[in-house]
Amino acid sequence: MGADLALRVVRWQERHGRTQLPWQNTQDPYRVWLSEIMLQQTQVATVLDYFPRFLQRFPQVQALAQAHLDDVLGLWSGLGYYSRARNLHACALQVVHHHGGAFPANAQALQTLPGIGRSTAAAIASICYGERVAILDGNVRRVLTRVLGYGQDLANGANERALWELATGLLPRRDVRRAMPRYTQGMMDLGATVCQLRKPDCAACPLAQACVAYRERATEKYPVKSRKLRRTAQSLWLLWAQTRDGAVWLSRRPVPGVWAGLYCLDLFESREALEAAVPPRYRAVLQDTAPVKHVLTHKDLYLHPVQVRLPRSALKNGAGAWFNPDQWPALGLPAPVRRLLASV
């Protein structure tokens, strides 16, 4: 089954795979790596806005390594999952300082770099260097479990490892250096455009004849993953302090924690705690604005902005600083904070 399946995927990708995305049709590991990191937990449509801006600002890994982390976070602002941006910068530094500015040419070595896991390493190694290694991102996991009828619970580590072994066994065995980039891209394309989570287009799938889920008319059964993280909710109050000339008070968030490493309006667990942080003479003019709901992966944040106009001398703690209207847009800011500041 393996050789036939791989050949079908390669031929399908040649004729029907995606070719218009800016990170495709290249074997430049810097571009492939950047796209893989950006596409983690983020839709293609969103990445299409950020990818060219990053390349324009940081055209090579050396430029990214030379940049200040604040500049990287500022350009990343709005993409979310900001640990990716911190790892991106740390990875660039290691590539430049420990690998002579060239990405390692195999998946095992790539996995030693910050922010590069097994599947991302395999994507870079297979697409750029033709290495015979399997990827297993969310899209590919869905394709494989449906085709194989693999109904084991992937919340179990042993079952996940077994699927990795099955995925490896299905890889191309002939003309590997040419076939692997096509195969890897083809599996990602199938998951993204044909074997979708809901309403898969089985009539357009090159693997339909071999697909267990298709024969069973039970695509919704796969993949199986029982353990789900419980969603939580948290309310936070934001001190939205501005001066008469438009400067805003921002502090860098601690690491780890929500929005770690980003600049943010000061956060408080309660309205009373926020009020206590403001000099007494200004507490009477605090103005509550409409709350904002911000959805994180496993938590809903209910943000309560409280506006106040202050002189620069009113806030002096060492954790924050005043940023003028021409300064704060370039900072790494959480998306809801950026929207708030841009709304006035």
Protein backbone atom coordinates (compact mmCIF):
# COMPACT_ATOMS: atom_id res chain seq x y z
CA MET A 1 0.00 0.00 0.00
CA GLY A 2 2.82 2.39 0.91
CA ALA A 3 4.50 2.76 -2.47
CA ASP A 4 1.20 3.08 -4.29
CA LEU A 5 -0.13 5.64 -1.81
CA ALA A 6 3.02 7.75 -2.03
CA LEU A 7 2.98 7.68 -5.83
CA ARG A 8 -0.66 8.79 -5.89
CA VAL A 9 0.07 11.69 -3.56
CA VAL A 10 3.09 12.80 -5.60
CA ARG A 11 1.18 12.67 -8.90
CA TRP A 12 -1.82 14.45 -7.40
CA GLN A 13 0.37 17.21 -5.99
CA GLU A 14 2.01 17.74 -9.38
CA ARG A 15 -1.38 18.28 -11.03
CA HIS A 16 -3.66 19.64 -8.32
CA GLY A 17 -1.56 20.74 -5.35
CA ARG A 18 -1.29 24.31 -4.17
CA THR A 19 1.40 26.34 -5.93
CA GLN A 20 0.31 29.93 -5.40
CA LEU A 21 1.34 30.38 -1.76
CA PRO A 22 4.47 32.54 -1.34
CA TRP A 23 6.34 29.91 0.69
CA GLN A 24 5.84 27.20 -1.93
CA ASN A 25 7.98 26.42 -4.99
CA THR A 26 11.11 26.98 -2.93
CA GLN A 27 13.67 24.81 -1.20
CA ASP A 28 15.07 27.73 0.79
CA PRO A 29 15.07 26.41 4.37
CA TYR A 30 14.73 29.92 5.81
CA ARG A 31 11.46 30.54 3.96
CA VAL A 32 10.11 27.05 4.62
CA TRP A 33 11.00 27.32 8.32
CA LEU A 34 9.42 30.78 8.64
CA SER A 35 6.20 29.61 7.00
CA GLU A 36 6.02 26.44 9.11
CA ILE A 37 6.36 28.41 12.35
CA MET A 38 3.80 31.01 11.27
CA LEU A 39 1.29 28.35 10.17
CA GLN A 40 1.27 26.64 13.57
CA GLN A 41 -2.20 27.28 15.02
CA THR A 42 -2.76 30.04 12.44
CA GLN A 43 -4.83 30.10 9.27
CA VAL A 44 -3.22 30.51 5.86
CA ALA A 45 -5.18 33.71 5.14
CA THR A 46 -3.67 35.37 8.20
CA VAL A 47 -0.13 34.22 7.45
CA LEU A 48 -0.41 35.60 3.92
CA ASP A 49 -0.43 39.10 5.44
CA TYR A 50 2.55 38.54 7.73
CA PHE A 51 4.92 36.37 5.67
CA PRO A 52 5.87 38.99 3.04
CA ARG A 53 6.31 41.69 5.69
CA PHE A 54 8.72 39.46 7.61
CA LEU A 55 10.70 38.69 4.48
CA GLN A 56 10.90 42.35 3.55
CA ARG A 57 12.19 43.26 7.01
CA PHE A 58 14.31 40.14 7.55
CA PRO A 59 15.18 38.72 4.11
CA GLN A 60 17.74 36.24 5.49
CA VAL A 61 18.26 34.45 8.77
CA GLN A 62 21.26 36.72 9.46
CA ALA A 63 19.01 39.80 9.41
CA LEU A 64 16.59 38.15 11.81
CA ALA A 65 19.40 37.18 14.17
CA GLN A 66 20.74 40.75 14.18
CA ALA A 67 17.34 42.24 15.02
CA HIS A 68 16.26 43.18 18.53
CA LEU A 69 13.62 40.87 19.98
CA ASP A 70 11.30 43.87 20.42
CA ASP A 71 11.39 44.45 16.66
CA VAL A 72 10.50 40.82 16.00
CA LEU A 73 7.64 40.90 18.50
CA GLY A 74 6.41 44.17 17.01
CA LEU A 75 6.23 42.67 13.53
CA TRP A 76 4.62 39.50 14.93
CA SER A 77 1.98 41.47 16.84
CA GLY A 78 -1.47 40.12 16.04
CA LEU A 79 -0.37 36.62 15.01
CA GLY A 80 -0.75 35.30 18.55
CA TYR A 81 1.12 32.48 20.30
CA TYR A 82 4.02 34.84 20.93
CA SER A 83 6.35 32.12 22.19
CA ARG A 84 6.72 31.30 18.48
CA ALA A 85 8.23 34.73 17.86
CA ARG A 86 10.62 34.42 20.79
CA ASN A 87 11.70 30.96 19.59
CA LEU A 88 11.99 32.29 16.04
CA HIS A 89 14.51 34.86 17.16
CA ALA A 90 16.37 32.39 19.39
CA CYS A 91 16.52 29.88 16.54
CA ALA A 92 17.92 32.47 14.12
CA LEU A 93 20.64 33.30 16.66
CA GLN A 94 21.62 29.64 16.96
CA VAL A 95 21.64 29.09 13.20
CA VAL A 96 23.94 32.07 12.73
CA HIS A 97 26.23 31.57 15.72
CA HIS A 98 26.42 27.77 15.89
CA HIS A 99 25.72 26.64 12.32
CA GLY A 100 27.46 29.29 10.27
CA GLY A 101 24.17 30.84 9.07
CA ALA A 102 22.99 27.62 7.37
CA PHE A 103 20.14 25.49 8.64
CA PRO A 104 21.14 21.90 9.45
CA ALA A 105 20.41 19.53 6.55
CA ASN A 106 18.65 16.77 8.48
CA ALA A 107 15.62 16.49 10.72
CA GLN A 108 17.47 15.17 13.75
CA ALA A 109 19.76 18.19 13.89
CA LEU A 110 16.93 20.61 13.13
CA GLN A 111 15.04 19.37 16.19
CA THR A 112 17.80 20.69 18.44
CA LEU A 113 16.92 24.28 17.47
CA PRO A 114 14.47 26.37 19.56
CA GLY A 115 10.83 26.05 18.52
CA ILE A 116 11.38 23.25 15.98
CA GLY A 117 9.58 20.05 16.88
CA ARG A 118 9.59 16.70 15.12
CA SER A 119 7.00 17.52 12.46
CA THR A 120 8.40 20.97 11.65
CA ALA A 121 11.91 19.54 11.40
CA ALA A 122 10.67 16.85 9.05
CA ALA A 123 8.85 19.39 6.87
CA ILE A 124 12.03 21.45 6.44
CA ALA A 125 14.28 18.42 5.89
CA SER A 126 11.96 16.69 3.41
CA ILE A 127 11.03 19.78 1.37
CA CYS A 128 14.46 21.42 1.32
CA TYR A 129 16.82 18.46 1.43
CA GLY A 130 14.72 15.53 0.21
CA GLU A 131 15.19 13.57 3.44
CA ARG A 132 12.89 10.56 3.87
CA VAL A 133 11.14 11.64 7.08
CA ALA A 134 7.44 11.88 7.89
CA ILE A 135 5.52 14.92 9.05
CA LEU A 136 2.49 14.60 11.28
CA ASP A 137 0.82 17.97 11.67
CA GLY A 138 -2.92 18.24 12.22
CA ASN A 139 -3.84 18.03 8.55
CA VAL A 140 -1.62 15.04 7.82
CA ARG A 141 -2.75 13.27 10.98
CA ARG A 142 -6.34 13.57 9.77
CA VAL A 143 -5.52 12.24 6.28
CA LEU A 144 -3.57 9.26 7.59
CA THR A 145 -6.01 8.19 10.30
CA ARG A 146 -8.86 8.26 7.79
CA VAL A 147 -6.98 6.41 5.05
CA LEU A 148 -5.68 3.76 7.45
CA GLY A 149 -8.81 3.58 9.56
CA TYR A 150 -6.57 4.25 12.55
CA GLY A 151 -9.01 4.53 15.43
CA GLN A 152 -6.61 4.44 18.36
CA ASP A 153 -6.80 7.31 20.82
CA LEU A 154 -4.03 9.77 19.95
CA ALA A 155 -4.19 11.23 23.45
CA ASN A 156 -2.16 8.14 24.34
CA GLY A 157 1.53 8.67 23.60
CA ALA A 158 2.08 5.06 22.51
CA ASN A 159 -0.69 5.35 19.93
CA GLU A 160 0.75 8.62 18.65
CA ARG A 161 4.17 6.99 18.27
CA ALA A 162 2.61 4.06 16.44
CA LEU A 163 1.02 6.46 13.94
CA TRP A 164 4.43 8.06 13.40
CA GLU A 165 5.80 4.62 12.49
CA LEU A 166 2.94 4.00 10.09
CA ALA A 167 3.47 7.41 8.49
CA THR A 168 7.16 6.62 8.01
CA GLY A 169 6.34 3.29 6.39
CA LEU A 170 4.20 5.02 3.75
CA LEU A 171 6.93 7.41 2.55
CA PRO A 172 8.30 7.21 -1.00
CA ARG A 173 11.08 4.67 -1.54
CA ARG A 174 12.13 5.51 -5.09
CA ASP A 175 13.76 8.68 -6.34
CA VAL A 176 13.48 9.91 -2.76
CA ARG A 177 15.20 13.29 -3.12
CA ARG A 178 12.79 14.32 -5.88
CA ALA A 179 9.69 12.62 -4.51
CA MET A 180 9.88 13.70 -0.85
CA PRO A 181 9.26 17.44 -1.36
CA ARG A 182 6.23 16.63 -3.55
CA TYR A 183 4.94 14.00 -1.16
CA THR A 184 5.27 16.19 1.94
CA GLN A 185 3.64 19.16 0.24
CA GLY A 186 0.98 16.88 -1.22
CA MET A 187 -0.02 15.46 2.16
CA MET A 188 -0.32 18.99 3.58
CA ASP A 189 -2.33 20.11 0.54
CA LEU A 190 -4.69 17.13 0.80
CA GLY A 191 -5.45 17.89 4.44
CA ALA A 192 -5.91 21.59 3.82
CA THR A 193 -8.02 21.50 0.65
CA VAL A 194 -9.61 18.03 0.24
CA CYS A 195 -9.61 15.93 3.42
CA GLN A 196 -10.98 18.72 5.56
CA LEU A 197 -12.31 18.30 9.07
CA ARG A 198 -15.90 18.86 7.99
CA LYS A 199 -17.34 17.94 4.61
CA PRO A 200 -14.25 16.35 3.07
CA ASP A 201 -14.32 16.27 -0.75
CA CYS A 202 -13.77 12.53 -1.08
CA ALA A 203 -14.65 12.58 -4.79
CA ALA A 204 -11.55 14.70 -5.43
CA CYS A 205 -9.21 12.67 -3.23
CA PRO A 206 -6.56 10.50 -4.92
CA LEU A 207 -6.60 8.15 -1.91
CA ALA A 208 -10.35 7.54 -1.77
CA GLN A 209 -10.14 3.99 -3.18
CA ALA A 210 -7.73 2.98 -0.42
CA CYS A 211 -9.41 4.98 2.36
CA VAL A 212 -11.01 2.99 5.17
CA ALA A 213 -13.02 5.97 6.44
CA TYR A 214 -14.41 6.55 2.93
CA ARG A 215 -15.47 2.91 2.62
CA GLU A 216 -17.07 3.06 6.05
CA ARG A 217 -18.75 6.41 5.27
CA ALA A 218 -17.37 7.47 8.63
CA THR A 219 -14.83 10.22 8.04
CA GLU A 220 -16.08 12.03 11.14
CA LYS A 221 -14.74 9.19 13.33
CA TYR A 222 -11.11 10.07 12.64
CA PRO A 223 -8.81 11.07 14.19
CA VAL A 224 -9.64 9.96 17.73
CA LYS A 225 -8.31 12.08 20.57
CA SER A 226 -10.23 11.87 23.81
CA ARG A 227 -8.37 14.18 26.13
CA LYS A 228 -9.59 17.73 25.81
CA LEU A 229 -8.32 20.63 27.87
CA ARG A 230 -11.02 22.31 29.90
CA ARG A 231 -11.66 25.91 28.89
CA THR A 232 -11.35 28.51 31.60
CA ALA A 233 -12.28 32.18 31.86
CA GLN A 234 -10.52 35.10 33.48
CA SER A 235 -11.40 38.74 33.99
CA LEU A 236 -8.67 41.37 33.86
CA TRP A 237 -8.74 45.15 34.26
CA LEU A 238 -6.50 47.24 32.01
CA LEU A 239 -5.17 50.63 33.07
CA TRP A 240 -5.44 52.68 29.88
CA ALA A 241 -3.45 55.74 30.95
CA GLN A 242 -2.69 58.47 28.44
CA THR A 243 -1.22 61.96 28.57
CA ARG A 244 -2.76 65.02 26.91
CA ASP A 245 -0.33 64.71 24.00
CA GLY A 246 -1.35 61.09 23.35
CA ALA A 247 1.46 59.14 25.03
CA VAL A 248 0.33 55.82 26.52
CA TRP A 249 1.71 53.98 29.56
CA LEU A 250 2.90 50.45 28.71
CA SER A 251 4.79 47.78 30.64
CA ARG A 252 6.54 44.66 29.41
CA ARG A 253 4.72 41.49 30.51
CA PRO A 254 6.70 38.97 32.59
CA VAL A 255 7.82 35.61 31.21
CA PRO A 256 6.08 33.19 31.57
CA GLY A 257 2.49 34.36 31.66
CA VAL A 258 -0.23 35.75 29.46
CA TRP A 259 1.29 37.79 26.59
CA ALA A 260 4.76 37.05 27.95
CA GLY A 261 7.41 39.47 26.73
CA LEU A 262 4.96 41.85 25.04
CA TYR A 263 4.27 45.47 25.94
CA CYS A 264 0.84 45.90 27.42
CA LEU A 265 -1.45 48.18 29.38
CA ASP A 266 -0.94 47.35 33.06
CA LEU A 267 -3.13 44.37 34.03
CA PHE A 268 -4.95 43.89 37.32
CA GLU A 269 -7.04 41.08 38.81
CA SER A 270 -9.73 43.50 40.03
CA ARG A 271 -11.06 47.02 39.59
CA GLU A 272 -9.99 47.78 43.16
CA ALA A 273 -6.38 46.75 42.48
CA LEU A 274 -6.28 48.95 39.40
CA GLU A 275 -7.65 51.92 41.34
CA ALA A 276 -5.02 51.45 44.04
CA ALA A 277 -2.26 51.78 41.42
CA VAL A 278 -3.46 55.25 40.40
CA PRO A 279 -2.50 58.30 42.50
CA PRO A 280 -5.47 59.19 44.77
CA ARG A 281 -6.12 62.59 43.18
CA TYR A 282 -6.90 60.93 39.81
CA ARG A 283 -9.09 58.03 40.95
CA ALA A 284 -12.30 60.05 40.66
CA VAL A 285 -11.75 60.52 36.90
CA LEU A 286 -11.20 56.87 36.03
CA GLN A 287 -13.58 55.99 33.21
CA ASP A 288 -14.68 52.41 32.52
CA THR A 289 -15.12 51.52 28.86
CA ALA A 290 -16.91 48.61 27.22
CA PRO A 291 -15.42 45.22 28.16
CA VAL A 292 -13.77 43.14 25.45
CA LYS A 293 -13.76 39.35 25.12
CA HIS A 294 -10.51 37.89 23.81
CA VAL A 295 -10.36 34.18 23.02
CA LEU A 296 -7.12 32.28 23.66
CA THR A 297 -6.58 28.59 22.88
CA HIS A 298 -7.87 27.28 26.20
CA LYS A 299 -9.06 30.43 27.96
CA ASP A 300 -11.51 33.28 27.45
CA LEU A 301 -10.20 36.63 28.67
CA TYR A 302 -12.73 39.28 29.65
CA LEU A 303 -10.85 42.56 29.46
CA HIS A 304 -12.14 45.67 31.23
CA PRO A 305 -10.28 48.79 30.01
CA VAL A 306 -10.32 51.74 32.40
CA GLN A 307 -9.23 55.05 30.86
CA VAL A 308 -7.59 57.95 32.63
CA ARG A 309 -5.65 61.02 31.52
CA LEU A 310 -2.53 61.61 33.58
CA PRO A 311 0.55 63.80 33.54
CA ARG A 312 3.78 61.93 32.85
CA SER A 313 4.85 62.44 36.45
CA ALA A 314 1.88 60.50 37.81
CA LEU A 315 3.26 57.04 36.91
CA LYS A 316 6.90 56.35 37.63
CA ASN A 317 7.30 52.66 38.51
CA GLY A 318 10.29 50.99 36.89
CA ALA A 319 8.28 48.34 35.05
CA GLY A 320 6.65 50.73 32.58
CA ALA A 321 7.23 53.79 30.45
CA TRP A 322 5.38 56.40 28.41
CA PHE A 323 5.35 55.78 24.66
CA ASN A 324 4.44 58.51 22.20
CA PRO A 325 1.92 57.97 19.37
CA ASP A 326 4.78 57.47 16.91
CA GLN A 327 6.48 54.88 19.16
CA TRP A 328 3.92 52.37 20.43
CA PRO A 329 2.72 51.09 17.00
CA ALA A 330 6.15 49.49 16.43
CA LEU A 331 6.09 47.59 19.74
CA GLY A 332 5.04 44.00 20.21
CA LEU A 333 1.51 44.44 21.57
CA PRO A 334 -1.28 41.94 22.25
CA ALA A 335 -3.88 42.18 19.49
CA PRO A 336 -6.74 43.45 21.72
CA VAL A 337 -4.50 46.14 23.21
CA ARG A 338 -3.37 47.27 19.76
CA ARG A 339 -7.02 47.52 18.68
CA LEU A 340 -7.90 49.57 21.75
CA LEU A 341 -5.07 52.03 21.21
CA ALA A 342 -5.83 52.33 17.50
CA SER A 343 -9.48 53.10 18.20
CA VAL A 344 -8.82 56.63 19.46
